[in-house]
Amino acid sequence: MNELEKKNEKLRQAVADIKAAILQGQYEACKGTNRIQLAVYYAIGKYVSQHSRKGVWGTGALETISSQLRHELPGLRGYSATNLKKMRLFYENWIMLDANSSVATDELENPLGRICNPTASNISICNAKHAKQKKLWQN
């Protein structure tokens, strides 16, 4: 291998190393963003659950909230009444993550006791049958 070939090989290796670093950084950023977005969905789901299930809000509240959010935040996507309901289901099916919940304690004592609500089957992680399976989805 002559000097020019060695130099070119070093440059190809540099490109490969930098490319790997860029892709790894993008992956980590995306992973972090997804973790934050899930936390936001969980928190919104909790808020919606606590207000809609206890009768604080009347019929049509989620439609009104969704409409007002779109009005106040033009271009906002993903917060339709249907998605707010899905966030509520997400929270209710993962309530054991809420440290303030009595269900959290029950889940730790009886991990096979809670099964996901079948109406939430469109949320793939709710297909887990018990807390140990759900824990695997978090990693």
N, C-alpha and C. Protein backbone atom coordinates (compact mmCIF):
# COMPACT_ATOMS: atom_id res chain seq x y z
N MET A 1 0.86 -1.18 0.00
CA MET A 1 0.00 0.00 0.00
C MET A 1 0.91 1.23 0.00
N ASN A 2 0.69 2.11 -0.96
CA ASN A 2 1.53 3.30 -1.03
C ASN A 2 1.00 4.39 -0.09
N GLU A 3 1.70 5.48 -0.03
CA GLU A 3 1.37 6.57 0.89
C GLU A 3 -0.01 7.17 0.61
N LEU A 4 -0.35 7.33 -0.66
CA LEU A 4 -1.64 7.91 -1.02
C LEU A 4 -2.78 6.99 -0.58
N GLU A 5 -2.63 5.70 -0.77
CA GLU A 5 -3.64 4.74 -0.34
C GLU A 5 -3.78 4.73 1.18
N LYS A 6 -2.66 4.83 1.90
CA LYS A 6 -2.70 4.89 3.37
C LYS A 6 -3.44 6.13 3.85
N LYS A 7 -3.15 7.26 3.18
CA LYS A 7 -3.81 8.52 3.55
C LYS A 7 -5.31 8.42 3.29
N ASN A 8 -5.68 7.87 2.14
CA ASN A 8 -7.10 7.71 1.80
C ASN A 8 -7.80 6.77 2.78
N GLU A 9 -7.12 5.70 3.17
CA GLU A 9 -7.70 4.75 4.14
C GLU A 9 -7.93 5.44 5.49
N LYS A 10 -6.98 6.27 5.92
CA LYS A 10 -7.14 7.01 7.18
C LYS A 10 -8.32 7.97 7.10
N LEU A 11 -8.48 8.60 5.94
CA LEU A 11 -9.61 9.52 5.77
C LEU A 11 -10.93 8.76 5.76
N ARG A 12 -10.98 7.59 5.11
CA ARG A 12 -12.20 6.77 5.12
C ARG A 12 -12.54 6.35 6.55
N GLN A 13 -11.51 6.00 7.31
CA GLN A 13 -11.73 5.61 8.70
C GLN A 13 -12.23 6.79 9.52
N ALA A 14 -11.67 7.97 9.26
CA ALA A 14 -12.12 9.18 9.97
C ALA A 14 -13.59 9.44 9.67
N VAL A 15 -13.98 9.32 8.40
CA VAL A 15 -15.37 9.52 8.01
C VAL A 15 -16.26 8.50 8.72
N ALA A 16 -15.84 7.24 8.73
CA ALA A 16 -16.63 6.19 9.39
C ALA A 16 -16.77 6.47 10.89
N ASP A 17 -15.69 6.90 11.54
CA ASP A 17 -15.73 7.19 12.98
C ASP A 17 -16.66 8.38 13.28
N ILE A 18 -16.53 9.44 12.48
CA ILE A 18 -17.36 10.62 12.69
C ILE A 18 -18.82 10.30 12.39
N LYS A 19 -19.06 9.54 11.32
CA LYS A 19 -20.42 9.14 10.97
C LYS A 19 -21.05 8.34 12.11
N ALA A 20 -20.28 7.41 12.69
CA ALA A 20 -20.79 6.61 13.81
C ALA A 20 -21.14 7.50 15.00
N ALA A 21 -20.29 8.49 15.28
CA ALA A 21 -20.56 9.40 16.40
C ALA A 21 -21.82 10.22 16.15
N ILE A 22 -21.99 10.69 14.92
CA ILE A 22 -23.18 11.48 14.57
C ILE A 22 -24.44 10.63 14.72
N LEU A 23 -24.40 9.43 14.16
CA LEU A 23 -25.58 8.55 14.23
C LEU A 23 -25.91 8.17 15.67
N GLN A 24 -24.88 7.90 16.48
CA GLN A 24 -25.10 7.57 17.88
C GLN A 24 -25.70 8.76 18.63
N GLY A 25 -25.20 9.96 18.34
CA GLY A 25 -25.75 11.16 18.97
C GLY A 25 -27.20 11.40 18.59
N GLN A 26 -27.51 11.20 17.31
CA GLN A 26 -28.89 11.36 16.86
C GLN A 26 -29.80 10.33 17.53
N TYR A 27 -29.31 9.10 17.64
CA TYR A 27 -30.10 8.06 18.30
C TYR A 27 -30.35 8.41 19.76
N GLU A 28 -29.32 8.84 20.47
CA GLU A 28 -29.47 9.19 21.89
C GLU A 28 -30.41 10.38 22.06
N ALA A 29 -30.32 11.37 21.17
CA ALA A 29 -31.21 12.53 21.25
C ALA A 29 -32.66 12.10 21.04
N CYS A 30 -32.86 11.24 20.07
CA CYS A 30 -34.22 10.75 19.79
C CYS A 30 -34.75 9.95 20.97
N LYS A 31 -33.90 9.10 21.54
CA LYS A 31 -34.30 8.30 22.69
C LYS A 31 -34.69 9.20 23.86
N GLY A 32 -33.91 10.24 24.09
CA GLY A 32 -34.23 11.17 25.17
C GLY A 32 -35.52 11.92 24.91
N THR A 33 -35.72 12.33 23.66
CA THR A 33 -36.95 13.02 23.29
C THR A 33 -38.15 12.12 23.50
N ASN A 34 -38.04 10.87 23.09
CA ASN A 34 -39.14 9.93 23.28
C ASN A 34 -39.46 9.74 24.75
N ARG A 35 -38.44 9.67 25.59
CA ARG A 35 -38.64 9.50 27.03
C ARG A 35 -39.39 10.71 27.59
N ILE A 36 -39.01 11.90 27.15
CA ILE A 36 -39.68 13.11 27.62
C ILE A 36 -41.11 13.16 27.12
N GLN A 37 -41.31 12.81 25.87
CA GLN A 37 -42.67 12.84 25.29
C GLN A 37 -43.57 11.85 26.02
N LEU A 38 -43.06 10.67 26.34
CA LEU A 38 -43.86 9.70 27.09
C LEU A 38 -44.22 10.25 28.47
N ALA A 39 -43.27 10.94 29.10
CA ALA A 39 -43.55 11.53 30.41
C ALA A 39 -44.63 12.60 30.31
N VAL A 40 -44.60 13.38 29.23
CA VAL A 40 -45.63 14.41 29.01
C VAL A 40 -46.99 13.74 28.80
N TYR A 41 -47.04 12.70 27.95
CA TYR A 41 -48.30 11.98 27.71
C TYR A 41 -48.83 11.38 29.01
N TYR A 42 -47.94 10.82 29.81
CA TYR A 42 -48.33 10.22 31.08
C TYR A 42 -48.92 11.29 32.01
N ALA A 43 -48.26 12.43 32.10
CA ALA A 43 -48.73 13.51 32.97
C ALA A 43 -50.08 14.06 32.50
N ILE A 44 -50.21 14.25 31.20
CA ILE A 44 -51.49 14.73 30.66
C ILE A 44 -52.57 13.68 30.91
N GLY A 45 -52.22 12.42 30.69
CA GLY A 45 -53.18 11.34 30.94
C GLY A 45 -53.64 11.31 32.38
N LYS A 46 -52.71 11.54 33.29
CA LYS A 46 -53.06 11.58 34.72
C LYS A 46 -54.02 12.73 35.00
N TYR A 47 -53.70 13.89 34.47
CA TYR A 47 -54.53 15.07 34.68
C TYR A 47 -55.94 14.84 34.12
N VAL A 48 -55.99 14.33 32.90
CA VAL A 48 -57.28 14.06 32.27
C VAL A 48 -58.06 13.02 33.05
N SER A 49 -57.38 11.95 33.48
CA SER A 49 -58.04 10.89 34.23
C SER A 49 -58.62 11.42 35.54
N GLN A 50 -57.83 12.18 36.26
CA GLN A 50 -58.28 12.69 37.55
C GLN A 50 -59.47 13.63 37.43
N HIS A 51 -59.55 14.35 36.32
CA HIS A 51 -60.65 15.30 36.16
C HIS A 51 -61.86 14.71 35.45
N SER A 52 -61.64 13.80 34.53
CA SER A 52 -62.78 13.26 33.79
C SER A 52 -63.43 12.08 34.50
N ARG A 53 -62.66 11.27 35.17
CA ARG A 53 -63.22 10.09 35.83
C ARG A 53 -63.94 10.42 37.13
N LYS A 54 -63.59 11.53 37.73
CA LYS A 54 -64.22 11.90 39.00
C LYS A 54 -65.38 12.87 38.81
N GLY A 55 -65.78 13.07 37.56
CA GLY A 55 -66.93 13.93 37.29
C GLY A 55 -66.68 15.41 37.39
N VAL A 56 -65.42 15.83 37.44
CA VAL A 56 -65.11 17.25 37.50
C VAL A 56 -65.51 17.92 36.19
N TRP A 57 -65.29 17.20 35.08
CA TRP A 57 -65.64 17.72 33.77
C TRP A 57 -66.88 17.01 33.26
N GLY A 58 -67.65 17.71 32.49
CA GLY A 58 -68.84 17.13 31.89
C GLY A 58 -68.56 16.52 30.52
N THR A 59 -69.63 16.06 29.89
CA THR A 59 -69.55 15.48 28.56
C THR A 59 -69.05 16.53 27.57
N GLY A 60 -68.18 16.12 26.69
CA GLY A 60 -67.65 17.02 25.67
C GLY A 60 -66.46 17.84 26.11
N ALA A 61 -66.00 17.63 27.33
CA ALA A 61 -64.89 18.44 27.85
C ALA A 61 -63.62 18.23 27.04
N LEU A 62 -63.31 16.99 26.69
CA LEU A 62 -62.08 16.73 25.96
C LEU A 62 -62.10 17.37 24.57
N GLU A 63 -63.26 17.36 23.93
CA GLU A 63 -63.38 18.03 22.63
C GLU A 63 -63.14 19.52 22.78
N THR A 64 -63.70 20.12 23.83
CA THR A 64 -63.53 21.55 24.08
C THR A 64 -62.07 21.87 24.38
N ILE A 65 -61.44 21.07 25.22
CA ILE A 65 -60.03 21.29 25.58
C ILE A 65 -59.16 21.18 24.34
N SER A 66 -59.38 20.14 23.54
CA SER A 66 -58.60 19.94 22.33
C SER A 66 -58.75 21.11 21.38
N SER A 67 -59.97 21.56 21.18
CA SER A 67 -60.24 22.69 20.29
C SER A 67 -59.54 23.96 20.78
N GLN A 68 -59.62 24.20 22.08
CA GLN A 68 -59.01 25.40 22.65
C GLN A 68 -57.48 25.33 22.55
N LEU A 69 -56.91 24.15 22.76
CA LEU A 69 -55.46 24.00 22.62
C LEU A 69 -55.02 24.32 21.19
N ARG A 70 -55.77 23.82 20.21
CA ARG A 70 -55.43 24.10 18.81
C ARG A 70 -55.57 25.58 18.50
N HIS A 71 -56.53 26.23 19.13
CA HIS A 71 -56.72 27.68 18.93
C HIS A 71 -55.55 28.47 19.54
N GLU A 72 -55.15 28.09 20.75
CA GLU A 72 -54.10 28.83 21.45
C GLU A 72 -52.69 28.47 20.99
N LEU A 73 -52.53 27.27 20.42
CA LEU A 73 -51.23 26.81 19.93
C LEU A 73 -51.38 26.38 18.47
N PRO A 74 -51.47 27.33 17.55
CA PRO A 74 -51.67 26.99 16.13
C PRO A 74 -50.58 26.02 15.65
N GLY A 75 -51.00 25.06 14.88
CA GLY A 75 -50.06 24.06 14.37
C GLY A 75 -49.87 22.88 15.30
N LEU A 76 -50.45 22.93 16.47
CA LEU A 76 -50.34 21.83 17.43
C LEU A 76 -50.99 20.58 16.85
N ARG A 77 -50.26 19.48 16.93
CA ARG A 77 -50.79 18.22 16.42
C ARG A 77 -50.65 17.16 17.51
N GLY A 78 -51.56 16.19 17.48
CA GLY A 78 -51.46 15.07 18.40
C GLY A 78 -52.27 15.22 19.68
N TYR A 79 -53.05 16.27 19.78
CA TYR A 79 -53.82 16.51 21.01
C TYR A 79 -55.31 16.60 20.73
N SER A 80 -55.78 15.75 19.84
CA SER A 80 -57.22 15.67 19.56
C SER A 80 -57.90 15.06 20.78
N ALA A 81 -59.22 15.14 20.81
CA ALA A 81 -59.96 14.54 21.92
C ALA A 81 -59.67 13.04 22.00
N THR A 82 -59.57 12.41 20.84
CA THR A 82 -59.26 10.97 20.80
C THR A 82 -57.89 10.70 21.41
N ASN A 83 -56.90 11.52 21.06
CA ASN A 83 -55.56 11.32 21.62
C ASN A 83 -55.52 11.63 23.11
N LEU A 84 -56.29 12.60 23.56
CA LEU A 84 -56.35 12.88 25.00
C LEU A 84 -56.94 11.67 25.74
N LYS A 85 -57.91 11.02 25.13
CA LYS A 85 -58.47 9.80 25.73
C LYS A 85 -57.42 8.69 25.76
N LYS A 86 -56.62 8.59 24.70
CA LYS A 86 -55.55 7.58 24.66
C LYS A 86 -54.51 7.86 25.73
N MET A 87 -54.21 9.13 25.96
CA MET A 87 -53.27 9.50 27.02
C MET A 87 -53.83 9.11 28.38
N ARG A 88 -55.13 9.31 28.56
CA ARG A 88 -55.78 8.90 29.80
C ARG A 88 -55.65 7.39 29.99
N LEU A 89 -55.91 6.63 28.93
CA LEU A 89 -55.77 5.17 28.99
C LEU A 89 -54.32 4.77 29.26
N PHE A 90 -53.40 5.47 28.64
CA PHE A 90 -51.98 5.20 28.87
C PHE A 90 -51.65 5.36 30.35
N TYR A 91 -52.09 6.46 30.94
CA TYR A 91 -51.86 6.68 32.37
C TYR A 91 -52.54 5.59 33.21
N GLU A 92 -53.80 5.32 32.91
CA GLU A 92 -54.57 4.37 33.72
C GLU A 92 -54.01 2.95 33.62
N ASN A 93 -53.43 2.60 32.49
CA ASN A 93 -52.84 1.27 32.34
C ASN A 93 -51.43 1.18 32.91
N TRP A 94 -50.81 2.32 33.14
CA TRP A 94 -49.47 2.35 33.71
C TRP A 94 -49.47 3.09 35.05
N ILE A 95 -50.60 3.11 35.72
CA ILE A 95 -50.74 3.87 36.97
C ILE A 95 -49.74 3.41 38.03
N MET A 96 -49.25 2.17 37.88
CA MET A 96 -48.30 1.68 38.88
C MET A 96 -47.00 2.48 38.87
N LEU A 97 -46.76 3.29 37.85
CA LEU A 97 -45.57 4.13 37.81
C LEU A 97 -45.72 5.38 38.66
N ASP A 98 -46.95 5.69 39.04
CA ASP A 98 -47.23 6.88 39.84
C ASP A 98 -46.94 6.55 41.29
N ALA A 99 -45.90 7.13 41.83
CA ALA A 99 -45.48 6.83 43.20
C ALA A 99 -46.54 7.19 44.23
N ASN A 100 -47.44 8.10 43.88
CA ASN A 100 -48.48 8.52 44.81
C ASN A 100 -49.71 7.62 44.76
N SER A 101 -49.69 6.61 43.91
CA SER A 101 -50.86 5.77 43.70
C SER A 101 -50.86 4.57 44.62
N SER A 102 -52.04 4.24 45.15
CA SER A 102 -52.15 3.02 45.95
C SER A 102 -51.99 1.80 45.05
N VAL A 103 -52.32 1.94 43.78
CA VAL A 103 -52.15 0.84 42.84
C VAL A 103 -50.67 0.50 42.71
N ALA A 104 -49.79 1.50 42.81
CA ALA A 104 -48.35 1.26 42.69
C ALA A 104 -47.90 0.26 43.75
N THR A 105 -48.35 0.44 44.97
CA THR A 105 -48.01 -0.47 46.04
C THR A 105 -48.59 -1.86 45.80
N ASP A 106 -49.84 -1.90 45.36
CA ASP A 106 -50.47 -3.18 45.06
C ASP A 106 -49.74 -3.93 43.95
N GLU A 107 -49.28 -3.21 42.93
CA GLU A 107 -48.55 -3.84 41.82
C GLU A 107 -47.27 -4.49 42.32
N LEU A 108 -46.57 -3.82 43.23
CA LEU A 108 -45.33 -4.38 43.75
C LEU A 108 -45.59 -5.65 44.56
N GLU A 109 -46.71 -5.67 45.28
CA GLU A 109 -47.03 -6.82 46.10
C GLU A 109 -47.62 -7.96 45.28
N ASN A 110 -48.35 -7.64 44.21
CA ASN A 110 -49.00 -8.65 43.39
C ASN A 110 -48.82 -8.29 41.91
N PRO A 111 -47.63 -8.57 41.32
CA PRO A 111 -47.35 -8.12 39.97
C PRO A 111 -48.23 -8.76 38.90
N LEU A 112 -48.92 -9.83 39.20
CA LEU A 112 -49.78 -10.46 38.21
C LEU A 112 -51.22 -9.99 38.32
N GLY A 113 -51.48 -9.14 39.28
CA GLY A 113 -52.86 -8.76 39.58
C GLY A 113 -53.52 -7.82 38.60
N ARG A 114 -52.78 -6.98 37.92
CA ARG A 114 -53.39 -5.96 37.04
C ARG A 114 -53.14 -6.31 35.58
N ILE A 115 -54.19 -6.34 34.80
CA ILE A 115 -54.09 -6.60 33.37
C ILE A 115 -54.55 -5.35 32.65
N CYS A 116 -53.89 -5.02 31.56
CA CYS A 116 -54.23 -3.81 30.80
C CYS A 116 -55.67 -3.83 30.32
N ASN A 117 -56.23 -2.67 30.24
CA ASN A 117 -57.57 -2.48 29.72
C ASN A 117 -57.58 -2.86 28.24
N PRO A 118 -58.42 -3.81 27.81
CA PRO A 118 -58.40 -4.23 26.41
C PRO A 118 -58.79 -3.13 25.43
N THR A 119 -59.46 -2.09 25.90
CA THR A 119 -59.81 -1.00 24.99
C THR A 119 -58.59 -0.18 24.63
N ALA A 120 -57.49 -0.37 25.33
CA ALA A 120 -56.27 0.38 25.05
C ALA A 120 -55.31 -0.43 24.20
N SER A 121 -55.80 -1.45 23.52
CA SER A 121 -54.92 -2.34 22.76
C SER A 121 -54.18 -1.63 21.65
N ASN A 122 -54.67 -0.45 21.23
CA ASN A 122 -53.95 0.27 20.19
C ASN A 122 -52.68 0.91 20.73
N ILE A 123 -52.47 0.91 22.01
CA ILE A 123 -51.22 1.36 22.60
C ILE A 123 -50.41 0.10 22.83
N SER A 124 -49.43 -0.16 21.98
CA SER A 124 -48.76 -1.46 21.96
C SER A 124 -48.18 -1.88 23.29
N ILE A 125 -47.67 -0.94 24.07
CA ILE A 125 -47.08 -1.34 25.33
C ILE A 125 -48.11 -1.81 26.33
N CYS A 126 -49.37 -1.53 26.09
CA CYS A 126 -50.42 -2.01 26.98
C CYS A 126 -50.75 -3.47 26.71
N ASN A 127 -50.11 -4.07 25.75
CA ASN A 127 -50.31 -5.49 25.50
C ASN A 127 -49.60 -6.34 26.54
N ALA A 128 -48.71 -5.73 27.30
CA ALA A 128 -48.03 -6.45 28.37
C ALA A 128 -49.06 -6.86 29.41
N LYS A 129 -48.98 -8.10 29.87
CA LYS A 129 -50.02 -8.63 30.75
C LYS A 129 -49.83 -8.28 32.22
N HIS A 130 -48.62 -7.98 32.62
CA HIS A 130 -48.41 -7.65 34.03
C HIS A 130 -47.19 -6.76 34.18
N ALA A 131 -46.94 -6.34 35.38
CA ALA A 131 -45.91 -5.35 35.66
C ALA A 131 -44.53 -5.77 35.20
N LYS A 132 -44.18 -7.04 35.33
CA LYS A 132 -42.85 -7.48 34.91
C LYS A 132 -42.68 -7.30 33.41
N GLN A 133 -43.70 -7.63 32.62
CA GLN A 133 -43.63 -7.42 31.18
C GLN A 133 -43.55 -5.93 30.85
N LYS A 134 -44.32 -5.13 31.56
CA LYS A 134 -44.31 -3.69 31.30
C LYS A 134 -42.94 -3.12 31.60
N LYS A 135 -42.28 -3.63 32.64
CA LYS A 135 -40.95 -3.14 32.99
C LYS A 135 -40.00 -3.35 31.82
N LEU A 136 -40.14 -4.48 31.11
CA LEU A 136 -39.29 -4.76 29.97
C LEU A 136 -39.46 -3.72 28.88
N TRP A 137 -40.68 -3.21 28.71
CA TRP A 137 -40.93 -2.20 27.68
C TRP A 137 -40.24 -0.89 27.99
N GLN A 138 -39.96 -0.63 29.25
CA GLN A 138 -39.36 0.65 29.64
C GLN A 138 -37.89 0.71 29.30
N ASN A 139 -37.23 -0.41 29.15
CA ASN A 139 -35.78 -0.42 28.91
C ASN A 139 -35.45 -0.17 27.48
